[in-house]
Amino acid sequence: MNKSKNLSDIETLKTTVFEQSHIKDMIIWWEKRRLIYNVLIIALSIFSMYSYWDYPMRTMIGSEQIIINAIVFVLGANLFYTLGWGSGIISYYRIDKTYVSSNRKRWILFTLGTIFSLILTNWNFVIEFDVLFAH
């Protein structure tokens, strides 16, 4: 009976190490691409601010506030970026603990999420600078 309990403990330990390894791999995969994501979001933010800099919004709320809003937006975008690997972990534990996430699926999610973020970034600046003061 003691031998059976020891085997059960070993299997539990192996499963835990296996799970932790895959979760760690998932997080590392996403975090290695965070720089690409940030470069794209920040570059579009800078381009948008430069493009719309002469609009009346700058004189109404101030240049400093526009820059602060852009920084807050980028920080929020990074918080949502974390949902990429966060959703992978949640789906791993919600679906029978089988590791089915492939690099192809991750790249698709990364690409679609980045495109969505770029559209949202542009939309943020269009609303902030253009739509609010359209005649």
C-alpha atoms as a PDB file:
ATOM      1  CA  MET A   1       0.000   0.000   0.000  1.00  0.00           C
ATOM      2  CA  ASN A   2       2.867   2.353   0.795  1.00  0.00           C
ATOM      3  CA  LYS A   3       4.456   1.639  -2.589  1.00  0.00           C
ATOM      4  CA  SER A   4       1.168   2.533  -4.334  1.00  0.00           C
ATOM      5  CA  LYS A   5       1.013   5.851  -2.474  1.00  0.00           C
ATOM      6  CA  ASN A   6       4.621   6.641  -3.448  1.00  0.00           C
ATOM      7  CA  LEU A   7       3.879   5.917  -7.118  1.00  0.00           C
ATOM      8  CA  SER A   8       0.822   8.152  -6.934  1.00  0.00           C
ATOM      9  CA  ASP A   9       2.901  10.947  -5.399  1.00  0.00           C
ATOM     10  CA  ILE A  10       5.535  10.576  -8.130  1.00  0.00           C
ATOM     11  CA  GLU A  11       2.881  10.755 -10.866  1.00  0.00           C
ATOM     12  CA  THR A  12       1.370  13.852  -9.249  1.00  0.00           C
ATOM     13  CA  LEU A  13       4.822  15.465  -9.098  1.00  0.00           C
ATOM     14  CA  LYS A  14       5.508  14.596 -12.756  1.00  0.00           C
ATOM     15  CA  THR A  15       2.150  16.090 -13.804  1.00  0.00           C
ATOM     16  CA  THR A  16       2.815  19.269 -11.811  1.00  0.00           C
ATOM     17  CA  VAL A  17       6.290  19.706 -13.311  1.00  0.00           C
ATOM     18  CA  PHE A  18       4.880  19.041 -16.806  1.00  0.00           C
ATOM     19  CA  GLU A  19       2.134  21.650 -16.305  1.00  0.00           C
ATOM     20  CA  GLN A  20       4.533  24.251 -14.916  1.00  0.00           C
ATOM     21  CA  SER A  21       6.928  23.691 -17.807  1.00  0.00           C
ATOM     22  CA  HIS A  22       4.233  24.286 -20.433  1.00  0.00           C
ATOM     23  CA  ILE A  23       2.868  27.325 -18.654  1.00  0.00           C
ATOM     24  CA  LYS A  24       6.362  28.760 -18.345  1.00  0.00           C
ATOM     25  CA  ASP A  25       6.965  28.113 -22.064  1.00  0.00           C
ATOM     26  CA  MET A  26       3.686  29.848 -22.910  1.00  0.00           C
ATOM     27  CA  ILE A  27       4.562  32.947 -20.872  1.00  0.00           C
ATOM     28  CA  ILE A  28       8.090  33.111 -22.260  1.00  0.00           C
ATOM     29  CA  TRP A  29       6.768  32.827 -25.837  1.00  0.00           C
ATOM     30  CA  TRP A  30       4.447  35.802 -25.333  1.00  0.00           C
ATOM     31  CA  GLU A  31       6.949  37.912 -23.408  1.00  0.00           C
ATOM     32  CA  LYS A  32       9.595  37.513 -26.130  1.00  0.00           C
ATOM     33  CA  ARG A  33       7.179  39.187 -28.545  1.00  0.00           C
ATOM     34  CA  ARG A  34       6.142  42.024 -26.247  1.00  0.00           C
ATOM     35  CA  LEU A  35       8.946  44.211 -27.620  1.00  0.00           C
ATOM     36  CA  ILE A  36       7.601  43.831 -31.178  1.00  0.00           C
ATOM     37  CA  TYR A  37       4.123  44.713 -29.924  1.00  0.00           C
ATOM     38  CA  ASN A  38       5.358  47.769 -28.013  1.00  0.00           C
ATOM     39  CA  VAL A  39       7.445  49.067 -30.902  1.00  0.00           C
ATOM     40  CA  LEU A  40       4.420  48.900 -33.209  1.00  0.00           C
ATOM     41  CA  ILE A  41       2.019  50.518 -30.719  1.00  0.00           C
ATOM     42  CA  ILE A  42       4.456  53.263 -29.674  1.00  0.00           C
ATOM     43  CA  ALA A  43       5.482  53.989 -33.274  1.00  0.00           C
ATOM     44  CA  LEU A  44       1.845  54.367 -34.330  1.00  0.00           C
ATOM     45  CA  SER A  45       1.138  56.540 -31.280  1.00  0.00           C
ATOM     46  CA  ILE A  46       4.034  58.853 -32.101  1.00  0.00           C
ATOM     47  CA  PHE A  47       3.051  58.976 -35.771  1.00  0.00           C
ATOM     48  CA  SER A  48      -0.563  59.752 -34.847  1.00  0.00           C
ATOM     49  CA  MET A  49       0.398  62.470 -32.383  1.00  0.00           C
ATOM     50  CA  TYR A  50       2.710  64.023 -34.956  1.00  0.00           C
ATOM     51  CA  SER A  51       0.047  63.815 -37.674  1.00  0.00           C
ATOM     52  CA  TYR A  52      -2.657  65.435 -35.561  1.00  0.00           C
ATOM     53  CA  TRP A  53      -0.455  67.804 -33.541  1.00  0.00           C
ATOM     54  CA  ASP A  54      -1.811  71.004 -35.105  1.00  0.00           C
ATOM     55  CA  TYR A  55      -5.450  70.227 -34.349  1.00  0.00           C
ATOM     56  CA  PRO A  56      -7.335  72.386 -31.819  1.00  0.00           C
ATOM     57  CA  MET A  57      -7.295  69.554 -29.265  1.00  0.00           C
ATOM     58  CA  ARG A  58      -3.662  70.276 -28.401  1.00  0.00           C
ATOM     59  CA  THR A  59      -4.398  73.879 -27.473  1.00  0.00           C
ATOM     60  CA  MET A  60      -7.492  72.910 -25.486  1.00  0.00           C
ATOM     61  CA  ILE A  61      -6.137  70.143 -23.286  1.00  0.00           C
ATOM     62  CA  GLY A  62      -2.417  70.856 -23.555  1.00  0.00           C
ATOM     63  CA  SER A  63       0.524  69.067 -25.081  1.00  0.00           C
ATOM     64  CA  GLU A  64       1.529  67.469 -21.777  1.00  0.00           C
ATOM     65  CA  GLN A  65      -1.915  65.947 -21.272  1.00  0.00           C
ATOM     66  CA  ILE A  66      -1.898  64.448 -24.765  1.00  0.00           C
ATOM     67  CA  ILE A  67       1.465  62.810 -24.056  1.00  0.00           C
ATOM     68  CA  ILE A  68       0.239  61.549 -20.666  1.00  0.00           C
ATOM     69  CA  ASN A  69      -2.878  60.131 -22.350  1.00  0.00           C
ATOM     70  CA  ALA A  70      -0.680  58.346 -24.899  1.00  0.00           C
ATOM     71  CA  ILE A  71       1.485  56.833 -22.143  1.00  0.00           C
ATOM     72  CA  VAL A  72      -1.592  55.661 -20.235  1.00  0.00           C
ATOM     73  CA  PHE A  73      -2.964  54.184 -23.463  1.00  0.00           C
ATOM     74  CA  VAL A  74       0.275  52.238 -24.108  1.00  0.00           C
ATOM     75  CA  LEU A  75       0.292  50.942 -20.520  1.00  0.00           C
ATOM     76  CA  GLY A  76      -3.336  49.832 -20.924  1.00  0.00           C
ATOM     77  CA  ALA A  77      -2.464  48.149 -24.216  1.00  0.00           C
ATOM     78  CA  ASN A  78       0.275  46.202 -22.412  1.00  0.00           C
ATOM     79  CA  LEU A  79      -2.160  45.138 -19.742  1.00  0.00           C
ATOM     80  CA  PHE A  80      -4.408  43.741 -22.451  1.00  0.00           C
ATOM     81  CA  TYR A  81      -1.389  42.137 -24.153  1.00  0.00           C
ATOM     82  CA  THR A  82      -0.975  40.057 -21.022  1.00  0.00           C
ATOM     83  CA  LEU A  83      -4.370  38.556 -21.783  1.00  0.00           C
ATOM     84  CA  GLY A  84      -2.659  36.672 -24.634  1.00  0.00           C
ATOM     85  CA  TRP A  85      -0.761  34.346 -22.375  1.00  0.00           C
ATOM     86  CA  GLY A  86      -3.305  34.714 -19.582  1.00  0.00           C
ATOM     87  CA  SER A  87      -6.030  33.297 -21.797  1.00  0.00           C
ATOM     88  CA  GLY A  88      -3.694  30.450 -22.746  1.00  0.00           C
ATOM     89  CA  ILE A  89      -3.230  29.543 -19.087  1.00  0.00           C
ATOM     90  CA  ILE A  90      -6.948  29.773 -18.372  1.00  0.00           C
ATOM     91  CA  SER A  91      -7.832  27.630 -21.379  1.00  0.00           C
ATOM     92  CA  TYR A  92      -5.170  25.109 -20.338  1.00  0.00           C
ATOM     93  CA  TYR A  93      -6.768  24.634 -16.937  1.00  0.00           C
ATOM     94  CA  ARG A  94     -10.364  24.792 -18.164  1.00  0.00           C
ATOM     95  CA  ILE A  95      -9.922  22.195 -20.915  1.00  0.00           C
ATOM     96  CA  ASP A  96      -8.872  18.788 -19.544  1.00  0.00           C
ATOM     97  CA  LYS A  97      -5.270  19.971 -18.976  1.00  0.00           C
ATOM     98  CA  THR A  98      -4.014  18.811 -22.328  1.00  0.00           C
ATOM     99  CA  TYR A  99      -1.421  21.046 -23.865  1.00  0.00           C
ATOM    100  CA  VAL A 100      -2.799  21.738 -27.319  1.00  0.00           C
ATOM    101  CA  SER A 101      -1.577  25.270 -28.006  1.00  0.00           C
ATOM    102  CA  SER A 102       0.673  25.287 -31.040  1.00  0.00           C
ATOM    103  CA  ASN A 103       3.006  27.987 -32.266  1.00  0.00           C
ATOM    104  CA  ARG A 104       0.699  28.483 -35.240  1.00  0.00           C
ATOM    105  CA  LYS A 105      -2.255  29.237 -32.953  1.00  0.00           C
ATOM    106  CA  ARG A 106      -0.114  31.570 -30.861  1.00  0.00           C
ATOM    107  CA  TRP A 107       1.099  33.438 -33.945  1.00  0.00           C
ATOM    108  CA  ILE A 108      -2.460  33.802 -35.201  1.00  0.00           C
ATOM    109  CA  LEU A 109      -3.623  35.152 -31.831  1.00  0.00           C
ATOM    110  CA  PHE A 110      -0.573  37.433 -31.593  1.00  0.00           C
ATOM    111  CA  THR A 111      -1.081  38.781 -35.127  1.00  0.00           C
ATOM    112  CA  LEU A 112      -4.829  39.338 -34.765  1.00  0.00           C
ATOM    113  CA  GLY A 113      -4.392  40.908 -31.328  1.00  0.00           C
ATOM    114  CA  THR A 114      -1.654  43.223 -32.583  1.00  0.00           C
ATOM    115  CA  ILE A 115      -3.707  44.296 -35.601  1.00  0.00           C
ATOM    116  CA  PHE A 116      -6.686  44.959 -33.332  1.00  0.00           C
ATOM    117  CA  SER A 117      -4.458  47.001 -30.991  1.00  0.00           C
ATOM    118  CA  LEU A 118      -3.077  49.043 -33.883  1.00  0.00           C
ATOM    119  CA  ILE A 119      -6.604  49.788 -35.117  1.00  0.00           C
ATOM    120  CA  LEU A 120      -7.650  50.729 -31.579  1.00  0.00           C
ATOM    121  CA  THR A 121      -4.569  52.939 -31.180  1.00  0.00           C
ATOM    122  CA  ASN A 122      -5.311  54.781 -34.404  1.00  0.00           C
ATOM    123  CA  TRP A 123      -8.993  55.066 -33.469  1.00  0.00           C
ATOM    124  CA  ASN A 124      -8.010  56.545 -30.094  1.00  0.00           C
ATOM    125  CA  PHE A 125      -6.052  59.340 -31.750  1.00  0.00           C
ATOM    126  CA  VAL A 126      -8.640  59.931 -34.469  1.00  0.00           C
ATOM    127  CA  ILE A 127     -11.314  60.409 -31.829  1.00  0.00           C
ATOM    128  CA  GLU A 128      -9.095  62.476 -29.562  1.00  0.00           C
ATOM    129  CA  PHE A 129      -7.879  64.839 -32.274  1.00  0.00           C
ATOM    130  CA  ASP A 130     -10.232  64.723 -35.213  1.00  0.00           C
ATOM    131  CA  VAL A 131     -13.790  63.662 -34.532  1.00  0.00           C
ATOM    132  CA  LEU A 132     -14.286  65.778 -31.438  1.00  0.00           C
ATOM    133  CA  PHE A 133     -13.523  68.952 -33.383  1.00  0.00           C
ATOM    134  CA  ALA A 134     -14.981  68.158 -36.791  1.00  0.00           C
ATOM    135  CA  HIS A 135     -17.071  70.980 -38.188  1.00  0.00           C
END
